[in-house]
Protein backbone atom coordinates (compact mmCIF):
# COMPACT_ATOMS: atom_id res chain seq x y z
CA UNK A 1 77.16 13.68 -43.80
CA UNK A 2 73.78 12.00 -44.25
CA UNK A 3 70.48 12.69 -42.41
CA UNK A 4 71.17 9.83 -40.10
CA UNK A 5 74.82 11.05 -39.35
CA UNK A 6 73.75 14.63 -38.85
CA UNK A 7 70.75 13.72 -36.41
CA UNK A 8 73.28 11.62 -34.37
CA UNK A 9 75.73 14.32 -34.37
CA UNK A 10 73.04 16.84 -33.01
CA UNK A 11 72.06 14.35 -30.32
CA UNK A 12 75.60 13.79 -29.25
CA UNK A 13 76.94 17.39 -29.31
CA UNK A 14 73.56 18.66 -27.46
CA UNK A 15 73.54 15.43 -25.22
CA UNK A 16 69.74 15.36 -25.85
CA UNK A 17 67.69 12.73 -27.64
CA UNK A 18 64.90 15.17 -27.90
CA UNK A 19 62.05 12.86 -26.37
CA UNK A 20 58.53 13.27 -27.64
CA UNK A 21 57.02 16.26 -26.11
CA UNK A 22 53.19 16.59 -25.19
CA UNK A 23 52.03 20.28 -25.72
CA UNK A 24 49.19 22.08 -23.82
CA UNK A 25 46.52 20.94 -26.41
CA UNK A 26 47.60 17.39 -25.84
CA UNK A 27 49.18 17.17 -29.09
CA UNK A 28 52.56 15.04 -29.16
CA UNK A 29 55.37 16.36 -30.95
CA UNK A 30 57.82 13.51 -31.93
CA UNK A 31 61.52 13.53 -31.50
CA UNK A 32 61.94 13.30 -35.32
CA UNK A 33 59.61 16.37 -35.82
CA UNK A 34 61.49 18.33 -33.34
CA UNK A 35 65.00 17.50 -34.96
CA UNK A 36 63.70 17.90 -38.56
CA UNK A 37 62.31 21.50 -37.61
CA UNK A 38 65.88 22.56 -36.29
CA UNK A 39 67.62 21.15 -39.52
CA UNK A 40 64.96 22.78 -42.05
CA UNK A 41 65.61 26.16 -40.15
CA UNK A 42 69.35 25.83 -40.48
CA UNK A 43 69.07 24.95 -44.16
CA UNK A 44 66.84 28.13 -44.65
CA UNK A 45 69.19 30.36 -43.17
CA UNK A 46 72.17 28.97 -45.04
CA UNK A 47 70.46 29.14 -48.18
CA UNK A 48 69.44 32.84 -47.66
CA UNK A 49 73.09 33.68 -46.77
CA UNK A 50 74.91 31.96 -49.64
CA UNK A 51 74.03 31.86 -53.26
CA UNK A 52 75.14 28.12 -53.96
CA UNK A 53 74.50 27.06 -57.51
CA UNK A 54 72.65 24.12 -56.00
CA UNK A 55 69.72 26.45 -54.94
CA UNK A 56 69.13 27.52 -58.54
CA UNK A 57 66.53 25.75 -60.85
CA UNK A 58 65.47 26.22 -64.45
CA UNK A 59 62.19 25.61 -66.44
CA UNK A 60 61.14 26.12 -69.72
CA UNK A 61 57.44 27.28 -70.40
CA UNK A 62 55.48 29.11 -72.91
CA UNK A 63 53.86 32.52 -73.30
CA UNK A 64 51.03 33.28 -75.55
CA UNK A 65 49.89 35.94 -77.90
CA UNK A 66 48.05 38.69 -76.20
CA UNK A 67 48.51 37.48 -72.75
CA UNK A 68 51.14 39.56 -70.60
CA UNK A 69 51.29 37.41 -67.58
CA UNK A 70 53.30 34.30 -66.79
CA UNK A 71 52.77 32.33 -63.80
CA UNK A 72 55.96 31.59 -61.41
CA UNK A 73 56.90 28.01 -60.53
CA UNK A 74 55.40 26.81 -57.14
CA UNK A 75 58.79 26.65 -55.70
CA UNK A 76 59.99 30.16 -56.78
CA UNK A 77 61.68 32.44 -54.63
CA UNK A 78 63.64 34.97 -56.85
CA UNK A 79 64.67 35.17 -60.35
CA UNK A 80 68.15 34.70 -61.64
CA UNK A 81 67.26 35.29 -65.42
CA UNK A 82 64.26 35.11 -67.62
CA UNK A 83 64.72 34.65 -71.55
CA UNK A 84 62.20 34.64 -74.56
CA UNK A 85 63.26 32.17 -77.16
CA UNK A 86 62.60 33.62 -80.67
CA UNK A 87 61.71 31.80 -83.63
CA UNK A 88 65.15 31.58 -84.68
CA UNK A 89 66.37 29.94 -81.51
CA UNK A 90 68.02 33.03 -80.25
CA UNK A 91 67.66 33.71 -76.48
CA UNK A 92 66.63 37.23 -75.67
CA UNK A 93 67.03 37.96 -72.00
CA UNK A 94 64.59 40.12 -70.27
CA UNK A 95 65.33 42.98 -68.21
CA UNK A 96 63.92 43.25 -64.67
CA UNK A 97 61.81 46.36 -64.01
CA UNK A 98 58.91 47.07 -61.69
CA UNK A 99 55.17 47.08 -62.37
CA UNK A 100 55.04 50.89 -62.72
CA UNK A 101 57.66 50.75 -65.41
CA UNK A 102 55.97 48.33 -67.38
CA UNK A 103 52.41 49.87 -67.23
CA UNK A 104 53.90 53.30 -68.23
CA UNK A 105 55.96 52.10 -71.08
CA UNK A 106 53.16 49.77 -72.57
CA UNK A 107 49.84 51.37 -71.22
CA UNK A 108 47.69 49.55 -73.68
CA UNK A 109 47.15 45.79 -73.88
CA UNK A 110 47.32 46.24 -77.70
CA UNK A 111 51.13 47.26 -77.44
CA UNK A 112 52.45 43.84 -78.69
CA UNK A 113 56.01 42.75 -79.70
CA UNK A 114 58.45 40.05 -78.38
CA UNK A 115 58.92 40.89 -74.71
CA UNK A 116 61.73 42.95 -73.48
CA UNK A 117 61.03 43.51 -69.75
CA UNK A 118 59.58 41.66 -66.78
CA UNK A 119 58.47 42.46 -63.53
CA UNK A 120 56.88 40.32 -60.31
CA UNK A 121 53.36 41.24 -60.75
CA UNK A 122 51.54 39.62 -57.51
CA UNK A 123 49.58 36.53 -56.67
CA UNK A 124 47.90 34.17 -59.10
CA UNK A 125 44.31 34.36 -59.25
CA UNK A 126 43.80 30.49 -58.82
CA UNK A 127 46.79 30.11 -56.60
CA UNK A 128 47.13 32.85 -54.16
CA UNK A 129 50.24 31.71 -52.46
CA UNK A 130 52.19 31.72 -55.64
CA UNK A 131 53.47 34.64 -58.01
CA UNK A 132 53.05 35.86 -61.44
CA UNK A 133 55.27 37.75 -63.82
CA UNK A 134 54.06 40.78 -65.83
CA UNK A 135 55.90 41.16 -69.53
CA UNK A 136 56.33 44.22 -71.34
CA UNK A 137 55.41 44.70 -74.09
CA UNK A 138 52.57 42.11 -74.44
CA UNK A 139 53.70 39.04 -76.57
CA UNK A 140 52.67 39.33 -80.12
CA UNK A 141 52.95 35.55 -80.61
CA UNK A 142 53.44 32.46 -78.86
CA UNK A 143 57.16 32.14 -77.48
CA UNK A 144 58.94 29.53 -75.33
CA UNK A 145 60.60 30.91 -72.36
CA UNK A 146 63.36 29.77 -70.12
CA UNK A 147 63.47 30.81 -66.37
CA UNK A 148 66.34 30.41 -64.05
CA UNK A 149 65.50 30.96 -60.54
CA UNK A 150 66.29 30.55 -56.76
CA UNK A 151 64.56 27.95 -54.73
CA UNK A 152 64.87 25.95 -51.73
CA UNK A 153 66.20 22.41 -52.55
CA UNK A 154 64.60 19.46 -51.01
CA UNK A 155 65.58 19.38 -47.47
CA UNK A 156 67.92 16.47 -46.12
CA UNK A 157 65.11 15.62 -43.98
CA UNK A 158 62.88 14.43 -46.46
CA UNK A 159 65.17 13.40 -49.44
CA UNK A 160 64.89 9.80 -50.06
CA UNK A 161 68.72 9.21 -50.26
CA UNK A 162 69.30 10.90 -46.82
CA UNK A 163 71.88 12.96 -48.81
CA UNK A 164 71.90 16.64 -50.28
CA UNK A 165 74.66 18.69 -52.04
CA UNK A 166 75.01 20.73 -48.69
CA UNK A 167 75.36 17.78 -46.49
CA UNK A 168 77.89 16.15 -48.69
CA UNK A 169 79.89 19.16 -49.65
CA UNK A 170 79.52 21.56 -46.56
CA UNK A 171 78.46 19.45 -43.70
CA UNK A 172 80.28 21.79 -41.17
CA UNK A 173 77.92 24.76 -41.68
CA UNK A 174 74.80 22.34 -41.74
CA UNK A 175 75.92 20.80 -38.52
CA UNK A 176 76.73 24.17 -36.66
CA UNK A 177 73.64 25.83 -38.14
CA UNK A 178 71.51 23.03 -36.70
CA UNK A 179 73.27 23.20 -33.40
CA UNK A 180 72.66 26.85 -32.95
CA UNK A 181 69.00 26.21 -33.74
CA UNK A 182 69.00 23.38 -31.24
CA UNK A 183 70.44 25.16 -28.44
CA UNK A 184 68.25 28.07 -28.90
CA UNK A 185 65.38 25.69 -28.86
CA UNK A 186 66.61 24.11 -25.54
CA UNK A 187 67.17 27.32 -24.07
CA UNK A 188 70.74 26.49 -23.61
CA UNK A 189 73.53 28.18 -21.78
CA UNK A 190 74.65 31.38 -23.20
CA UNK A 191 78.38 30.52 -23.68
CA UNK A 192 77.38 27.29 -25.73
CA UNK A 193 75.13 29.25 -28.05
CA UNK A 194 78.05 31.81 -28.47
CA UNK A 195 80.28 28.99 -29.11
CA UNK A 196 78.33 27.24 -31.87
CA UNK A 197 77.24 30.49 -33.53
CA UNK A 198 81.01 31.50 -33.69
CA UNK A 199 81.48 28.22 -35.20
CA UNK A 200 78.56 28.26 -37.39
CA UNK A 201 79.82 31.91 -38.75
CA UNK A 202 83.28 30.55 -39.33
CA UNK A 203 81.83 27.84 -41.51
CA UNK A 204 79.48 30.12 -43.26
CA UNK A 205 82.47 32.26 -44.15
CA UNK A 206 84.08 29.43 -45.89
CA UNK A 207 80.72 28.46 -47.54
CA UNK A 208 80.39 32.09 -48.89
CA UNK A 209 83.98 31.95 -50.27
CA UNK A 210 82.99 28.89 -52.36
CA UNK A 211 79.40 29.80 -53.33
CA UNK A 212 79.73 33.49 -53.61
CA UNK A 213 83.34 33.78 -54.53
CA UNK A 214 85.13 30.93 -56.34
CA UNK A 215 82.26 29.76 -58.20
CA UNK A 216 81.50 33.22 -59.33
CA UNK A 217 84.90 34.29 -60.74
CA UNK A 218 84.04 33.90 -64.31
CA UNK A 219 80.44 34.91 -64.11
CA UNK A 220 79.08 36.92 -67.23
CA UNK A 221 76.73 39.11 -65.39
CA UNK A 222 78.50 41.48 -63.42
CA UNK A 223 75.56 42.81 -61.40
CA UNK A 224 75.35 39.71 -59.47
CA UNK A 225 77.02 39.54 -55.90
CA UNK A 226 80.59 38.23 -55.92
CA UNK A 227 82.80 37.93 -53.04
CA UNK A 228 86.53 38.62 -53.51
CA UNK A 229 88.81 35.44 -53.30
CA UNK A 230 92.18 35.62 -52.00
């Protein structure tokens, strides 16, 4: 389902073209703005309910000697894995701890070696809206790192092609999720809100069977969530 098809379906199901609205402060909210908001809210709900591989990204970077901090990517939500690449090319996957553990285990900045642990430390100094990792021990040299992390893929409302993985492969959950948001926005009848919420949950269950079930049957890391598939 493309963006154009999704918008047409929302308007058809709700029998509402979402005409431009003028707010109390005389600001005009266009039809496109209203519908795009409903769609992006649905996408966010879906991406926080199912761990599709499409919401994972990876980047490489560098950590330097005597600097125990590493900036997170701007679109970072949560860590999937963080690895330091040793001089011989071997990947050393770091264990996730909290800041207290790293501070206690390596109290001095001069406690240097190839890092073994990481934690989410807090906001970046120059970019308060973005996060930073703290490493333990402090790197003793310059190393390459590879981070796999969760993020929000580009919305179907902004991608140039009008197509996304979610729209192409699970349009039902995207459509019904958008309809739930639409009827909530419209203050629609309770029975219709309940109907579309039920349809959304049915589609979401199928999506979870794929994203949290079938796509994880041979996963190496047993600590990640897996849904049994029958």
